[in-house]
Protein backbone atom coordinates (compact mmCIF):
# COMPACT_ATOMS: atom_id res chain seq x y z
CA MET A 1 -57.09 14.62 17.87
CA ARG A 2 -58.05 11.57 15.48
CA MET A 3 -60.87 12.72 13.29
CA ARG A 4 -63.73 9.68 13.03
CA ILE A 5 -66.02 10.36 10.30
CA ALA A 6 -69.54 8.96 10.44
CA ALA A 7 -71.00 5.98 7.99
CA VAL A 8 -73.75 8.83 7.25
CA ALA A 9 -71.13 11.19 6.67
CA LEU A 10 -69.19 9.89 4.45
CA THR A 11 -71.29 8.12 2.42
CA LEU A 12 -72.60 11.20 1.59
CA LEU A 13 -69.47 13.08 1.14
CA ILE A 14 -68.13 10.18 -1.15
CA ALA A 15 -71.16 10.55 -3.67
CA MET A 16 -70.21 13.97 -4.77
CA THR A 17 -67.78 13.08 -7.34
CA SER A 18 -66.93 14.18 -10.46
CA TRP A 19 -70.00 13.81 -12.78
CA ALA A 20 -70.83 16.10 -15.41
CA ALA A 21 -74.79 16.83 -14.87
CA THR A 22 -76.69 18.08 -17.89
CA PRO A 23 -80.57 19.33 -17.22
CA ALA A 24 -83.03 18.52 -19.72
CA ALA A 25 -83.46 22.13 -20.50
CA SER A 26 -82.53 25.91 -19.36
CA PRO A 27 -85.16 26.06 -16.23
CA ASP A 28 -86.45 28.99 -14.94
CA PRO A 29 -84.23 30.43 -12.81
CA SER A 30 -86.37 31.44 -9.84
CA LEU A 31 -87.53 28.01 -9.28
CA PRO A 32 -85.61 25.57 -8.18
CA THR A 33 -84.55 22.21 -10.38
CA PHE A 34 -83.46 19.03 -9.45
CA ARG A 35 -83.86 17.10 -11.95
CA VAL A 36 -81.10 15.58 -13.76
CA THR A 37 -80.91 13.17 -17.14
CA THR A 38 -77.49 12.55 -18.33
CA ALA A 39 -74.31 12.07 -16.21
CA GLU A 40 -70.82 11.32 -17.46
CA VAL A 41 -67.55 8.89 -15.97
CA HIS A 42 -64.11 10.17 -16.61
CA LEU A 43 -62.16 7.07 -16.42
CA THR A 44 -58.53 7.67 -16.42
CA PHE A 45 -55.73 4.89 -16.98
CA THR A 46 -52.08 3.52 -17.98
CA ALA A 47 -51.32 0.75 -20.45
CA VAL A 48 -48.03 -0.79 -21.08
CA ARG A 49 -47.13 -3.53 -23.25
CA GLY A 50 -44.02 -6.05 -22.43
CA ARG A 51 -42.04 -5.35 -20.10
CA ASN A 52 -44.36 -2.42 -18.58
CA GLN A 53 -42.67 -0.86 -21.66
CA ALA A 54 -45.50 2.51 -21.10
CA VAL A 55 -48.04 2.98 -24.57
CA THR A 56 -48.98 6.23 -25.50
CA ASP A 57 -50.29 5.08 -28.61
CA LEU A 58 -54.14 3.80 -28.64
CA SER A 59 -57.06 3.59 -30.67
CA LEU A 60 -61.39 3.07 -29.98
CA ALA A 61 -59.59 -0.33 -32.02
CA ASP A 62 -57.25 -1.52 -29.07
CA PHE A 63 -59.69 -2.08 -26.39
CA VAL A 64 -62.89 -2.60 -25.29
CA VAL A 65 -64.30 -0.80 -21.47
CA LEU A 66 -66.19 -3.49 -19.44
CA ARG A 67 -69.27 -2.41 -17.29
CA ASP A 68 -69.86 -5.48 -15.38
CA GLY A 69 -69.48 -7.86 -18.25
CA TYR A 70 -71.01 -6.10 -20.78
CA PRO A 71 -69.10 -3.76 -23.55
CA ILE A 72 -70.12 -0.14 -23.13
CA ASP A 73 -71.10 1.98 -26.07
CA GLN A 74 -72.29 5.02 -25.36
CA ILE A 75 -68.87 6.75 -25.65
CA VAL A 76 -68.77 10.55 -24.99
CA SER A 77 -64.81 11.36 -25.70
CA PHE A 78 -61.43 9.50 -25.85
CA GLY A 79 -58.06 10.54 -25.84
CA PRO A 80 -54.23 10.80 -24.50
CA TYR A 81 -52.84 12.73 -21.60
CA ARG A 82 -49.43 13.91 -22.50
CA GLN A 83 -47.09 15.05 -19.94
CA SER A 84 -50.26 16.09 -18.23
CA PRO A 85 -49.23 18.40 -14.92
CA LEU A 86 -48.63 16.21 -12.14
CA SER A 87 -51.54 15.99 -9.04
CA ALA A 88 -50.27 13.89 -6.45
CA LEU A 89 -50.63 13.08 -2.60
CA VAL A 90 -47.33 12.12 -1.32
CA LEU A 91 -48.81 9.90 2.12
CA THR A 92 -45.50 8.78 4.01
CA ASP A 93 -45.57 6.70 6.83
CA VAL A 94 -43.54 7.70 10.14
CA SER A 95 -44.44 4.62 12.25
CA ASP A 96 -41.88 2.54 14.66
CA SER A 97 -41.94 -0.11 12.06
CA MET A 98 -40.93 2.20 9.19
CA LEU A 99 -38.12 4.09 10.53
CA LYS A 100 -35.86 1.94 9.16
CA GLY A 101 -36.99 3.18 6.26
CA LEU A 102 -38.05 6.57 6.33
CA PRO A 103 -34.40 7.81 4.59
CA MET A 104 -35.44 6.22 1.55
CA GLU A 105 -38.95 7.39 1.74
CA ARG A 106 -37.52 11.34 2.04
CA ALA A 107 -35.25 10.36 -0.71
CA ALA A 108 -37.86 9.52 -2.68
CA ALA A 109 -40.23 12.52 -1.94
CA GLU A 110 -37.09 14.84 -2.11
CA TRP A 111 -36.54 13.72 -5.89
CA LEU A 112 -40.36 14.11 -6.90
CA ARG A 113 -40.59 17.63 -5.43
CA ALA A 114 -37.01 18.50 -7.53
CA ASN A 115 -38.68 17.22 -10.46
CA SER A 116 -41.92 18.80 -9.67
CA GLU A 117 -43.08 22.15 -11.43
CA PRO A 118 -43.82 24.32 -9.18
CA SER A 119 -46.05 26.47 -11.68
CA SER A 120 -48.30 23.68 -13.10
CA ASP A 121 -47.83 20.68 -10.85
CA ARG A 122 -50.24 19.74 -7.45
CA ILE A 123 -48.16 18.36 -4.92
CA ALA A 124 -48.72 17.58 -1.19
CA PHE A 125 -46.55 15.82 1.39
CA VAL A 126 -48.75 14.65 4.68
CA ASP A 127 -46.73 12.49 7.13
CA PHE A 128 -48.95 9.50 8.97
CA GLY A 129 -48.53 7.15 11.84
CA TYR A 130 -51.37 7.02 14.76
CA ASP A 131 -53.11 9.59 12.79
CA VAL A 132 -52.34 11.98 10.11
CA GLU A 133 -49.58 14.83 10.37
CA THR A 134 -47.28 12.70 13.25
CA GLY A 135 -44.50 14.15 13.24
CA LYS A 136 -46.00 17.32 14.49
CA GLY A 137 -45.95 17.49 18.52
CA VAL A 138 -46.99 13.59 18.38
CA SER A 139 -45.16 11.61 21.78
CA LEU A 140 -42.53 9.12 20.29
CA ALA A 141 -44.81 6.41 22.85
CA ASP A 142 -47.42 6.75 19.88
CA ARG A 143 -45.08 5.65 17.28
CA HIS A 144 -46.18 2.18 17.23
CA MET A 145 -49.44 2.93 16.30
CA THR A 146 -50.81 2.95 12.96
CA SER A 147 -53.37 4.30 11.23
CA LEU A 148 -53.44 3.30 7.69
CA TYR A 149 -56.65 3.27 6.17
CA ASP A 150 -58.12 6.07 7.98
CA ALA A 151 -55.10 8.09 7.43
CA LEU A 152 -56.55 6.78 3.74
CA VAL A 153 -59.83 7.93 4.10
CA GLU A 154 -59.09 11.48 5.97
CA THR A 155 -56.77 12.62 2.47
CA LEU A 156 -58.58 11.12 -0.38
CA PRO A 157 -61.63 13.64 -0.11
CA ARG A 158 -58.74 16.34 0.32
CA TYR A 159 -57.38 16.32 -3.24
CA ALA A 160 -60.46 14.36 -5.24
CA SER A 161 -60.63 17.27 -7.44
CA ASP A 162 -57.64 18.85 -7.97
CA GLY A 163 -55.91 18.87 -11.22
CA THR A 164 -56.64 17.42 -15.04
CA GLY A 165 -55.42 14.09 -15.94
CA ARG A 166 -55.13 11.02 -13.32
CA ARG A 167 -54.42 12.21 -9.77
CA ALA A 168 -52.75 9.80 -7.40
CA LEU A 169 -52.10 9.39 -3.99
CA ILE A 170 -48.31 7.80 -3.65
CA LEU A 171 -47.94 5.91 -0.22
CA LEU A 172 -45.18 4.87 1.46
CA THR A 173 -46.11 2.39 3.97
CA ASP A 174 -45.74 -0.96 4.70
CA GLY A 175 -49.06 -1.81 4.90
CA MET A 176 -49.41 -2.51 8.26
CA ASP A 177 -52.45 -1.35 10.40
CA ASN A 178 -53.37 -1.57 13.69
CA TYR A 179 -54.60 1.40 14.66
CA SER A 180 -57.52 2.64 12.50
CA TYR A 181 -61.22 2.76 12.50
CA HIS A 182 -62.16 2.29 8.72
CA SER A 183 -60.87 -1.02 7.12
CA LEU A 184 -58.94 -1.54 3.51
CA GLU A 185 -61.96 -1.40 1.80
CA ASP A 186 -63.12 1.83 2.94
CA ALA A 187 -59.99 2.95 1.10
CA ILE A 188 -60.16 1.06 -1.77
CA THR A 189 -63.60 2.39 -2.30
CA LEU A 190 -63.26 6.08 -1.63
CA ALA A 191 -60.48 5.80 -3.95
CA GLN A 192 -62.60 4.02 -7.14
CA ARG A 193 -65.62 7.05 -5.99
CA PHE A 194 -62.87 9.34 -7.10
CA ASP A 195 -61.10 7.73 -9.63
CA ILE A 196 -57.53 8.51 -7.62
CA ALA A 197 -55.05 5.93 -8.19
CA VAL A 198 -53.30 4.49 -5.38
CA TYR A 199 -49.67 3.60 -5.85
CA ALA A 200 -47.13 2.07 -2.40
CA ILE A 201 -44.30 1.36 -2.23
CA THR A 202 -42.23 -0.28 1.09
CA ALA A 203 -38.07 0.69 1.55
CA HIS A 204 -36.55 -2.64 3.66
CA PRO A 205 -32.94 -1.29 3.78
CA GLY A 206 -32.56 -4.47 6.26
CA LYS A 207 -34.62 -7.53 8.02
CA LYS A 208 -38.30 -7.41 7.71
CA GLN A 209 -40.41 -6.98 10.66
CA TYR A 210 -43.33 -5.77 9.71
CA TYR A 211 -44.71 -6.48 5.81
CA ARG A 212 -48.01 -6.64 4.28
CA PRO A 213 -47.19 -6.82 0.98
CA ASP A 214 -50.84 -8.68 -0.13
CA LEU A 215 -53.06 -5.57 0.78
CA LEU A 216 -51.10 -3.13 -0.92
CA GLN A 217 -51.17 -5.05 -3.72
CA LYS A 218 -54.67 -4.96 -3.44
CA LEU A 219 -55.48 -1.31 -2.51
CA CYS A 220 -52.96 -0.48 -5.74
CA GLU A 221 -54.66 -3.28 -7.97
CA GLU A 222 -58.17 -2.03 -7.24
CA THR A 223 -57.73 1.49 -7.57
CA GLY A 224 -55.44 1.61 -10.77
CA GLY A 225 -52.13 2.13 -9.29
CA LYS A 226 -48.91 0.09 -9.24
CA TYR A 227 -47.31 -1.91 -5.54
CA TYR A 228 -43.05 -1.56 -5.27
CA ASP A 229 -40.74 -3.59 -2.81
CA VAL A 230 -37.55 -1.58 -3.28
CA ARG A 231 -34.60 -2.56 -0.99
CA LYS A 232 -32.00 -0.20 -1.60
CA PRO A 233 -32.04 3.88 -2.74
CA ASP A 234 -31.08 3.36 -5.98
CA ALA A 235 -34.39 1.56 -6.46
CA MET A 236 -36.70 3.44 -4.60
CA LEU A 237 -35.83 6.45 -6.78
CA ASN A 238 -36.03 4.32 -10.20
CA ALA A 239 -39.83 3.28 -8.51
CA ILE A 240 -40.92 7.24 -8.08
CA SER A 241 -39.72 8.05 -11.53
CA GLU A 242 -41.63 5.55 -12.85
CA ILE A 243 -44.89 6.22 -10.82
CA ASN A 244 -44.33 10.34 -11.87
CA ASP A 245 -43.89 9.53 -15.72
CA GLU A 246 -46.54 7.32 -15.56
CA LEU A 247 -48.63 9.56 -13.99
CA ARG A 248 -47.96 12.80 -16.40
CA ASN A 249 -49.53 10.27 -19.49
CA GLY A 250 -52.40 8.50 -19.90
CA PHE A 251 -55.40 8.16 -21.15
CA GLU A 252 -58.74 9.15 -20.81
CA LEU A 253 -62.45 7.90 -21.66
CA VAL A 254 -65.54 9.26 -20.81
CA PHE A 255 -69.07 7.47 -20.71
CA ARG A 256 -72.60 7.22 -20.47
CA PRO A 257 -74.14 5.00 -17.57
CA ASP A 258 -76.97 3.43 -17.42
CA ALA A 259 -79.63 5.83 -16.75
CA ALA A 260 -81.61 3.78 -14.31
CA GLY A 261 -78.19 1.42 -13.06
CA ALA A 262 -77.68 3.35 -9.77
CA GLY A 263 -74.73 2.23 -7.00
CA MET A 264 -71.52 0.66 -7.51
CA HIS A 265 -70.40 -0.63 -10.80
CA GLN A 266 -67.47 -3.16 -11.82
CA LEU A 267 -64.93 -2.13 -14.56
CA SER A 268 -62.54 -4.14 -16.75
CA ILE A 269 -60.53 -3.06 -19.57
CA GLN A 270 -59.89 -6.01 -22.53
CA PRO A 271 -56.79 -5.62 -24.71
CA ASN A 272 -57.63 -6.32 -28.34
CA GLN A 273 -53.61 -7.36 -28.98
CA ARG A 274 -51.66 -9.72 -26.80
CA GLY A 275 -49.05 -8.69 -23.77
CA MET A 276 -51.27 -5.25 -23.58
CA ARG A 277 -52.24 -4.36 -19.56
CA PHE A 278 -54.62 -1.70 -18.52
CA PHE A 279 -53.84 0.04 -15.02
CA HIS A 280 -57.49 1.83 -14.22
CA ARG A 281 -59.56 1.37 -11.39
CA THR A 282 -61.95 -2.07 -10.95
CA ALA A 283 -65.19 0.39 -10.03
CA TYR A 284 -67.66 3.36 -9.89
CA PHE A 285 -69.98 4.68 -8.32
CA GLN A 286 -73.06 5.40 -10.05
CA PRO A 287 -75.34 8.13 -7.93
CA GLY A 288 -78.58 8.17 -7.81
CA HIS A 289 -81.22 10.79 -8.84
CA GLU A 290 -81.73 12.15 -5.15
CA GLU A 291 -77.79 12.21 -4.77
CA LEU A 292 -77.03 14.17 -8.20
CA ALA A 293 -79.90 16.77 -7.18
CA SER A 294 -78.18 20.06 -6.22
CA GLU A 295 -80.07 23.65 -5.63
């Protein structure tokens, strides 16, 4: 059954991000208190130099974080996470347009499963076509319909609080969507608010019939992930291996936002040395006092 999320409900849901709220004083427990005076934004990211060589040693002197074009000066903490447990959702397109690439998609998912640590990694595997988990009892007549954006909007909130370090959604698809209620912008906004990086891989073993690399590139760039276009099985495994290594080794910076600046804010990281690039979400959502308040 297709899941249609009402706009109001979605707005309330995505406002519940991983913010750490601190009250001004210890209140009387017998009284309801709704005051929030501070909050923190957690920004996870990775860095590369040269030809995608991973950077594992960074200091605050190596870069500047900009919010709406201005340097952030209220940094609470910064540090690396190395060999962190993996927290990821693998979302696989099983619609008609990806049938030829499906064996490569399955091989990538199996590689990730085989190279995971069951005791610490949190990895979920979900199929979608006209709906999420298409493979369970859906007729072949429905396979020509693809609800990519709806699948993203439905699954991202499920994994918003999973694990530590960098959370990611690994998307195996060609980028085509012909049956969604939601838009690409809806999916990007949701991923940005939850700080979930989207990595997309498109497998093309034969002739390209359906292909939207522009949409997938935009989705990945604005959420802090990367896009891969592969043609052979070994290239697919190289891509999933690179994603795996990147997600386990990155950085986290925590800063305090402007207390009066509710709403969406643009983020960018500028390097202080040439040849270095950063991958991170390009915006974050700051709730107002009403949205932060809780009993």
